[in-house]
Amino acid sequence: MFDAGTFLLLVAALAIGWTLGRIKRSTPRTASDTRTLSKDYFVGLNYLLNEQPDKAIETFSHALEVNSDTIDTHIALGNVFRLRGEADRAAKIHQNLLARPALSDHQSAQVQLELARDFFRLGVLDRSERLLVSLLKTDTFTDITQASRRLLIDIFEREREWQEALDTAHPLLKQDKKLRRDASYWQCELAQKSIDHGQLPQARKQLRQALSIDANCLRANWLLADIEHINARYGDELKYLKRMHTQDSHIVGLTLPRIVGTYNALDDHDGLVQYLNALLHHHPNSSALIALAERTRTEHGPARAAELLSQQLKRSPSLKGVDYLLALYLEGGGATDALEQQLDLLKQHTEHLLKLRPGFQCGECGFKSRQHYWQCPQCRQWGAILPITGIEGE
């Protein structure tokens, strides 16, 4: 069965056949030349149909001379090599094309872009970057300029050159929602550096810029809460953490430990209970339930906390809730030795399951982790990793 690379090779084969026919009509050739070209083409096509793409590529690449009529076809063949994971061979083809005097301005720009893609795939980012910067300065073709700009943004992001990425992306932000989200997180990266160096006013300004780019940027409010915490303004810290819940209710599992700590810093235990009850009413989750049960245990003992927890678990079951309920039963005492041993065994199992399970998952690619990342390590999407919900999560 053909994969994407083989399909692209088939398209290139059709283009080669068309080009050969055009050359045959427009250029006087000897019978020997024509037979050689036709033979090479049909041999390559036979390799392709027999699912021998490596031999097909070799045959096609030798079937055509490099001239003004065949440049686009050679570009396509180079792209086939890159798609098949042979970016070094693609780069050789594109470098050879770039040395030809027959290139038009548009073809030259297209070959430079493809060569930049080859270097990018090979991990030679500095050479790719130089080609793309040159294209942005000199190229007048909109399609190539747009593609060059996006690849250059990707390079700057991989090199963690956040300001350069922002500057390069600026012309595209209005029409690209995903790019706006990415840019807001680049601003957050700059703000994190400012916080690390104690430049809090600068960080605050950068975070406001992030929110102006994308009002739904979770990390901007997270870092604004960090700044308020550093300044011991716990009421403002609480405001920013709660604002994250309005941006995305699934973030509760990440923010709640900080919110509980902030309420405790304010010595506002009644406010915490009211907030947890409201949160459970609108967005039931195990973290809020356990926090409320823990508050009840502190004030009224484990029996009351266990009663509250068991009632809530009937409506919203969760492994974390069951684990905490077992801890309350063991703390409460009153059970026979045999029952206590059984409860302790169950508790060991639930603890083991909780240690094994991931707590966060990327909504784009499904990557799972026990820790939170603002950028997914697998698909590199920003702001896509959130706490897992359901019986084994929140």
Protein backbone atom coordinates (compact mmCIF):
# COMPACT_ATOMS: atom_id res chain seq x y z
CA MET A 1 0.00 0.00 0.00
CA PHE A 2 1.35 3.45 -0.99
CA ASP A 3 2.33 5.91 1.70
CA ALA A 4 2.44 9.69 1.33
CA GLY A 5 5.98 9.61 -0.04
CA THR A 6 5.08 7.05 -2.69
CA PHE A 7 2.01 9.05 -3.67
CA LEU A 8 4.12 12.18 -4.09
CA LEU A 9 6.60 10.16 -6.13
CA LEU A 10 3.77 9.01 -8.39
CA VAL A 11 2.77 12.63 -8.95
CA ALA A 12 6.40 13.45 -9.75
CA ALA A 13 6.49 10.54 -12.19
CA LEU A 14 3.49 11.96 -14.03
CA ALA A 15 5.21 15.34 -14.13
CA ILE A 16 8.34 13.74 -15.53
CA GLY A 17 6.30 11.98 -18.20
CA TRP A 18 4.66 15.26 -19.19
CA THR A 19 8.02 17.03 -19.24
CA LEU A 20 9.60 14.33 -21.37
CA GLY A 21 6.76 14.59 -23.82
CA ARG A 22 7.13 18.36 -23.97
CA ILE A 23 10.87 18.09 -24.51
CA LYS A 24 10.34 15.52 -27.21
CA ARG A 25 7.93 17.82 -29.07
CA SER A 26 9.92 21.03 -28.71
CA THR A 27 13.57 19.90 -28.99
CA PRO A 28 15.16 18.04 -31.92
CA ARG A 29 16.68 14.81 -30.62
CA THR A 30 18.20 11.76 -32.16
CA ALA A 31 16.26 8.53 -32.12
CA SER A 32 18.81 7.15 -29.65
CA ASP A 33 18.23 10.06 -27.20
CA THR A 34 14.47 9.68 -27.38
CA ARG A 35 14.61 5.92 -26.81
CA THR A 36 16.93 6.42 -23.80
CA LEU A 37 14.65 8.99 -22.20
CA SER A 38 11.54 6.90 -22.81
CA LYS A 39 13.25 3.78 -21.52
CA ASP A 40 14.46 5.50 -18.34
CA TYR A 41 11.01 6.89 -17.68
CA PHE A 42 9.17 3.60 -18.14
CA VAL A 43 11.78 1.68 -16.14
CA GLY A 44 11.29 4.16 -13.27
CA LEU A 45 7.52 3.89 -13.55
CA ASN A 46 7.77 0.10 -13.46
CA TYR A 47 9.85 0.28 -10.25
CA LEU A 48 7.25 2.57 -8.73
CA LEU A 49 4.30 0.32 -9.59
CA ASN A 50 6.19 -2.64 -8.15
CA GLU A 51 6.64 -0.74 -4.88
CA GLN A 52 10.38 -0.20 -5.30
CA PRO A 53 10.43 3.57 -4.70
CA ASP A 54 14.20 3.78 -4.04
CA LYS A 55 15.05 2.44 -7.49
CA ALA A 56 12.27 4.54 -9.02
CA ILE A 57 13.70 7.75 -7.55
CA GLU A 58 17.20 6.94 -8.80
CA THR A 59 15.92 6.24 -12.30
CA PHE A 60 13.76 9.37 -12.46
CA SER A 61 16.53 11.61 -11.15
CA HIS A 62 18.82 10.42 -13.97
CA ALA A 63 16.11 10.58 -16.64
CA LEU A 64 16.08 14.39 -16.90
CA GLU A 65 18.75 16.90 -17.60
CA VAL A 66 18.65 20.03 -15.45
CA ASN A 67 17.29 22.85 -17.62
CA SER A 68 14.57 25.48 -17.49
CA ASP A 69 11.92 22.91 -18.44
CA THR A 70 12.82 20.35 -15.77
CA ILE A 71 13.68 22.48 -12.72
CA ASP A 72 10.24 22.16 -11.10
CA THR A 73 10.36 18.40 -11.55
CA HIS A 74 13.81 18.21 -9.91
CA ILE A 75 12.47 20.31 -7.01
CA ALA A 76 9.65 17.79 -6.63
CA LEU A 77 12.10 14.87 -6.63
CA GLY A 78 14.16 16.56 -3.94
CA ASN A 79 11.03 16.96 -1.86
CA VAL A 80 10.30 13.24 -2.27
CA PHE A 81 13.74 12.45 -0.80
CA ARG A 82 13.06 14.74 2.18
CA LEU A 83 9.63 13.25 2.78
CA ARG A 84 11.21 9.80 2.80
CA GLY A 85 13.66 10.89 5.51
CA GLU A 86 16.62 11.39 3.17
CA ALA A 87 17.03 15.12 3.66
CA ASP A 88 20.76 14.93 2.87
CA ARG A 89 20.02 13.70 -0.66
CA ALA A 90 17.29 16.30 -1.03
CA ALA A 91 19.76 19.02 -0.03
CA LYS A 92 22.24 17.83 -2.71
CA ILE A 93 19.57 18.06 -5.41
CA HIS A 94 18.44 21.52 -4.29
CA GLN A 95 22.03 22.80 -3.92
CA ASN A 96 22.78 21.56 -7.43
CA LEU A 97 19.73 23.39 -8.75
CA LEU A 98 20.71 26.60 -6.96
CA ALA A 99 24.01 26.67 -8.86
CA ARG A 100 22.24 26.65 -12.23
CA PRO A 101 22.03 29.92 -14.19
CA ALA A 102 18.74 28.92 -15.82
CA LEU A 103 16.63 29.62 -12.71
CA SER A 104 14.00 32.33 -12.81
CA ASP A 105 13.65 34.58 -9.76
CA HIS A 106 10.65 32.61 -8.54
CA GLN A 107 12.38 29.26 -9.08
CA SER A 108 15.47 30.49 -7.25
CA ALA A 109 13.37 31.57 -4.29
CA GLN A 110 11.50 28.24 -4.31
CA VAL A 111 14.75 26.23 -4.35
CA GLN A 112 16.15 28.32 -1.47
CA LEU A 113 13.01 27.63 0.54
CA GLU A 114 13.23 23.89 -0.16
CA LEU A 115 16.91 23.89 0.75
CA ALA A 116 16.06 25.67 4.02
CA ARG A 117 13.52 22.91 4.70
CA ASP A 118 16.20 20.29 3.99
CA PHE A 119 18.60 21.91 6.47
CA PHE A 120 15.79 22.22 9.01
CA ARG A 121 15.06 18.51 8.71
CA LEU A 122 18.77 17.74 9.06
CA GLY A 123 18.95 19.86 12.23
CA VAL A 124 21.31 22.40 10.68
CA LEU A 125 19.18 25.27 11.94
CA ASP A 126 21.73 28.05 11.49
CA ARG A 127 22.05 27.42 7.73
CA SER A 128 18.30 27.13 7.39
CA GLU A 129 17.88 30.38 9.31
CA ARG A 130 20.33 32.28 7.07
CA LEU A 131 18.50 31.20 3.92
CA LEU A 132 15.09 32.16 5.34
CA VAL A 133 16.26 35.56 6.61
CA SER A 134 17.67 36.26 3.15
CA LEU A 135 14.38 35.24 1.53
CA LEU A 136 12.37 37.55 3.78
CA LYS A 137 14.65 40.45 2.85
CA THR A 138 14.65 39.92 -0.90
CA ASP A 139 11.72 37.72 -1.94
CA THR A 140 8.65 39.37 -3.52
CA PHE A 141 6.53 36.24 -3.91
CA THR A 142 3.79 36.15 -1.27
CA ASP A 143 3.47 32.35 -1.06
CA ILE A 144 7.20 31.84 -0.55
CA THR A 145 7.43 34.73 1.91
CA GLN A 146 4.64 33.29 4.05
CA ALA A 147 6.15 29.80 4.07
CA SER A 148 9.62 31.21 4.85
CA ARG A 149 8.27 33.29 7.72
CA ARG A 150 6.49 30.33 9.32
CA LEU A 151 9.52 28.07 9.10
CA LEU A 152 11.73 30.82 10.54
CA ILE A 153 9.28 31.23 13.44
CA ASP A 154 9.57 27.50 14.12
CA ILE A 155 13.37 27.76 14.15
CA PHE A 156 13.37 30.72 16.55
CA GLU A 157 10.99 28.87 18.86
CA ARG A 158 13.16 25.74 18.88
CA GLU A 159 16.21 27.91 19.64
CA ARG A 160 14.23 29.67 22.41
CA GLU A 161 14.79 33.04 20.77
CA TRP A 162 11.42 34.34 21.94
CA GLN A 163 11.72 37.98 20.94
CA GLU A 164 12.90 37.06 17.44
CA ALA A 165 9.95 34.67 17.12
CA LEU A 166 7.57 37.44 18.19
CA ASP A 167 9.04 39.95 15.75
CA THR A 168 8.89 37.49 12.87
CA ALA A 169 5.32 36.38 13.67
CA HIS A 170 3.92 39.90 14.10
CA PRO A 171 2.62 40.34 10.50
CA LEU A 172 0.68 37.07 10.76
CA LEU A 173 -0.95 37.47 14.18
CA LYS A 174 -4.20 39.13 13.12
CA GLN A 175 -5.32 36.29 10.86
CA ASP A 176 -3.90 33.30 12.75
CA LYS A 177 -5.54 32.37 16.06
CA LYS A 178 -3.14 29.51 16.83
CA LEU A 179 -0.14 31.73 16.22
CA ARG A 180 -1.59 34.33 18.61
CA ARG A 181 -1.79 31.67 21.31
CA ASP A 182 1.81 30.64 20.67
CA ALA A 183 2.98 34.27 20.70
CA SER A 184 1.29 34.90 24.05
CA TYR A 185 3.28 32.01 25.55
CA TRP A 186 6.51 33.37 24.04
CA GLN A 187 5.76 36.60 25.89
CA CYS A 188 5.32 34.53 29.04
CA GLU A 189 8.74 32.97 28.49
CA LEU A 190 10.22 36.48 28.36
CA ALA A 191 8.26 37.41 31.49
CA GLN A 192 9.58 34.34 33.32
CA LYS A 193 13.13 35.48 32.57
CA SER A 194 12.30 38.93 33.94
CA ILE A 195 10.85 37.40 37.13
CA ASP A 196 13.94 35.24 37.55
CA HIS A 197 16.09 38.39 37.38
CA GLY A 198 13.86 40.29 39.81
CA GLN A 199 12.54 42.65 37.13
CA LEU A 200 8.92 42.46 38.25
CA PRO A 201 7.59 45.68 36.61
CA GLN A 202 9.05 44.53 33.28
CA ALA A 203 7.52 41.08 33.75
CA ARG A 204 4.11 42.58 34.54
CA LYS A 205 4.27 44.65 31.34
CA GLN A 206 5.21 41.58 29.27
CA LEU A 207 2.35 39.57 30.76
CA ARG A 208 -0.17 42.28 29.94
CA GLN A 209 1.16 42.19 26.39
CA ALA A 210 0.65 38.42 26.38
CA LEU A 211 -3.00 38.84 27.41
CA SER A 212 -3.48 41.54 24.77
CA ILE A 213 -2.32 39.04 22.16
CA ASP A 214 -4.49 36.22 23.55
CA ALA A 215 -6.89 36.91 26.40
CA ASN A 216 -7.14 33.15 27.08
CA CYS A 217 -3.45 32.69 27.86
CA LEU A 218 -3.47 30.63 31.07
CA ARG A 219 0.19 31.06 31.87
CA ALA A 220 -0.01 34.87 31.83
CA ASN A 221 -2.41 34.84 34.80
CA TRP A 222 -0.35 32.11 36.49
CA LEU A 223 2.76 34.31 36.32
CA LEU A 224 0.85 37.41 37.39
CA ALA A 225 -0.21 35.40 40.44
CA ASP A 226 3.48 34.55 41.00
CA ILE A 227 4.36 38.25 41.01
CA GLU A 228 1.62 39.02 43.57
CA HIS A 229 2.80 36.12 45.72
CA ILE A 230 6.37 37.49 45.69
CA ASN A 231 4.98 40.85 46.83
CA ALA A 232 2.82 39.12 49.50
CA ARG A 233 -0.36 40.52 47.92
CA TYR A 234 -2.32 37.33 48.43
CA GLY A 235 -5.71 38.79 47.60
CA ASP A 236 -4.47 39.79 44.13
CA GLU A 237 -2.77 36.42 43.73
CA LEU A 238 -6.12 34.78 44.42
CA LYS A 239 -7.79 36.98 41.82
CA TYR A 240 -5.46 35.86 39.05
CA LEU A 241 -5.67 32.18 40.00
CA LYS A 242 -9.48 32.27 39.99
CA ARG A 243 -9.42 34.07 36.65
CA MET A 244 -7.75 30.99 35.17
CA HIS A 245 -10.89 28.98 35.98
CA THR A 246 -12.96 31.29 33.80
CA GLN A 247 -10.45 30.77 30.99
CA ASP A 248 -10.59 26.97 31.25
CA SER A 249 -12.46 25.05 33.96
CA HIS A 250 -10.23 21.98 33.40
CA ILE A 251 -7.24 23.80 34.94
CA VAL A 252 -8.67 23.46 38.47
CA GLY A 253 -6.49 20.48 39.36
CA LEU A 254 -3.38 22.60 38.74
CA THR A 255 -4.48 25.83 40.42
CA LEU A 256 -6.36 24.52 43.45
CA PRO A 257 -3.36 23.68 45.70
CA ARG A 258 -2.15 27.26 45.24
CA ILE A 259 -5.62 28.65 45.91
CA VAL A 260 -5.91 26.68 49.14
CA GLY A 261 -2.49 27.93 50.21
CA THR A 262 -3.46 31.51 49.40
CA TYR A 263 -6.67 31.33 51.44
CA ASN A 264 -4.62 29.92 54.33
CA ALA A 265 -2.11 32.77 53.97
CA LEU A 266 -5.05 35.18 54.23
CA ASP A 267 -6.37 33.19 57.24
CA ASP A 268 -9.74 33.14 55.46
CA HIS A 269 -10.98 29.63 56.22
CA ASP A 270 -14.66 30.50 55.79
CA GLY A 271 -13.90 32.02 52.40
CA LEU A 272 -12.11 28.82 51.39
CA VAL A 273 -15.09 26.64 52.37
CA GLN A 274 -17.49 28.88 50.44
CA TYR A 275 -15.24 28.84 47.40
CA LEU A 276 -14.83 25.03 47.47
CA ASN A 277 -18.59 24.49 47.79
CA ALA A 278 -19.24 26.82 44.85
CA LEU A 279 -16.56 25.09 42.81
CA LEU A 280 -18.02 21.65 43.50
CA HIS A 281 -21.46 22.90 42.50
CA HIS A 282 -20.32 24.26 39.14
CA HIS A 283 -17.27 22.08 38.33
CA PRO A 284 -17.18 18.85 40.40
CA ASN A 285 -13.63 17.57 40.75
CA SER A 286 -11.69 15.41 43.18
CA SER A 287 -9.14 18.06 44.20
CA ALA A 288 -11.85 20.45 45.41
CA LEU A 289 -13.68 17.61 47.14
CA ILE A 290 -10.58 16.44 49.00
CA ALA A 291 -9.70 20.02 49.97
CA LEU A 292 -13.19 20.51 51.42
CA ALA A 293 -13.07 17.15 53.22
CA GLU A 294 -9.67 18.05 54.67
CA ARG A 295 -11.08 21.33 55.95
CA THR A 296 -14.01 19.41 57.50
CA ARG A 297 -11.63 16.89 59.07
CA THR A 298 -9.61 19.71 60.68
CA GLU A 299 -12.71 21.36 62.16
CA HIS A 300 -15.02 18.42 62.89
CA GLY A 301 -12.98 15.22 62.76
CA PRO A 302 -12.52 12.33 60.29
CA ALA A 303 -16.02 10.88 60.73
CA ARG A 304 -17.75 14.06 59.46
CA ALA A 305 -15.23 14.37 56.67
CA ALA A 306 -15.80 10.74 55.63
CA GLU A 307 -19.59 11.28 55.59
CA LEU A 308 -19.21 14.36 53.37
CA LEU A 309 -16.78 12.60 51.06
CA SER A 310 -18.82 9.43 50.65
CA GLN A 311 -21.93 11.45 49.70
CA GLN A 312 -20.03 13.38 47.04
CA LEU A 313 -18.33 10.25 45.68
CA LYS A 314 -21.73 8.72 44.93
CA ARG A 315 -22.33 11.59 42.50
CA SER A 316 -18.76 12.01 41.18
CA PRO A 317 -16.62 8.91 41.79
CA SER A 318 -12.84 9.28 41.64
CA LEU A 319 -9.83 7.20 42.57
CA LYS A 320 -8.26 10.10 44.49
CA GLY A 321 -11.46 10.50 46.49
CA VAL A 322 -11.63 6.80 47.36
CA ASP A 323 -7.98 6.84 48.45
CA TYR A 324 -8.61 9.78 50.78
CA LEU A 325 -11.82 8.18 52.10
CA LEU A 326 -9.86 5.05 53.07
CA ALA A 327 -7.37 7.25 54.92
CA LEU A 328 -10.24 8.84 56.86
CA TYR A 329 -11.70 5.45 57.80
CA LEU A 330 -8.30 4.26 59.05
CA GLU A 331 -7.79 7.48 61.02
CA GLY A 332 -11.25 7.31 62.55
CA GLY A 333 -10.61 3.95 64.19
CA GLY A 334 -13.42 1.81 65.61
CA ALA A 335 -12.98 -0.96 63.05
CA THR A 336 -12.08 -4.53 63.97
CA ASP A 337 -8.52 -5.64 63.43
CA ALA A 338 -9.56 -7.76 60.46
CA LEU A 339 -11.47 -4.89 58.81
CA GLU A 340 -8.64 -2.47 59.48
CA GLN A 341 -6.21 -4.83 57.77
CA GLN A 342 -8.50 -5.03 54.74
CA LEU A 343 -8.86 -1.24 54.61
CA ASP A 344 -5.11 -0.84 54.87
CA LEU A 345 -4.61 -3.30 52.00
CA LEU A 346 -7.10 -1.39 49.85
CA LYS A 347 -5.31 1.85 50.72
CA GLN A 348 -2.01 0.40 49.58
CA HIS A 349 -3.57 -0.55 46.25
CA THR A 350 -5.15 2.86 45.65
CA GLU A 351 -1.89 4.61 46.55
CA HIS A 352 -0.02 2.37 44.12
CA LEU A 353 -2.52 3.10 41.34
CA LEU A 354 -2.29 6.84 41.97
CA LYS A 355 1.50 6.74 41.83
CA LEU A 356 1.41 4.96 38.48
CA ARG A 357 -1.20 7.07 36.74
CA PRO A 358 -0.35 10.30 34.88
CA GLY A 359 -2.02 13.45 36.12
CA PHE A 360 -1.89 15.51 32.92
CA GLN A 361 -2.67 14.96 29.25
CA CYS A 362 -2.19 16.95 26.05
CA GLY A 363 -5.47 17.73 24.34
CA GLU A 364 -3.76 17.81 20.93
CA CYS A 365 -1.67 14.63 20.72
CA GLY A 366 -2.66 12.65 23.85
CA PHE A 367 0.78 12.83 25.51
CA LYS A 368 0.48 11.96 29.22
CA SER A 369 2.72 12.98 32.10
CA ARG A 370 2.85 13.05 35.87
CA GLN A 371 3.98 16.67 35.77
CA HIS A 372 2.62 19.74 34.04
CA TYR A 373 4.24 21.42 31.02
CA TRP A 374 3.17 24.68 29.43
CA GLN A 375 4.41 23.32 26.09
CA CYS A 376 3.79 19.70 25.16
CA PRO A 377 7.15 17.87 24.83
CA GLN A 378 5.70 15.66 22.11
CA CYS A 379 3.67 17.85 19.73
CA ARG A 380 5.07 21.21 20.99
CA GLN A 381 1.62 22.80 21.32
CA TRP A 382 1.37 25.58 23.89
CA GLY A 383 -1.23 25.49 26.66
CA ALA A 384 -2.59 22.11 25.54
CA ILE A 385 -1.64 20.03 28.61
CA LEU A 386 -4.35 20.01 31.29
CA PRO A 387 -5.22 17.84 34.32
CA ILE A 388 -6.84 14.53 33.39
CA THR A 389 -10.52 14.33 34.26
CA GLY A 390 -12.74 11.31 34.98
CA ILE A 391 -12.67 8.54 37.56
CA GLU A 392 -8.85 8.30 37.49
CA GLY A 393 -8.33 12.06 37.40
CA GLU A 394 -10.22 15.14 38.43
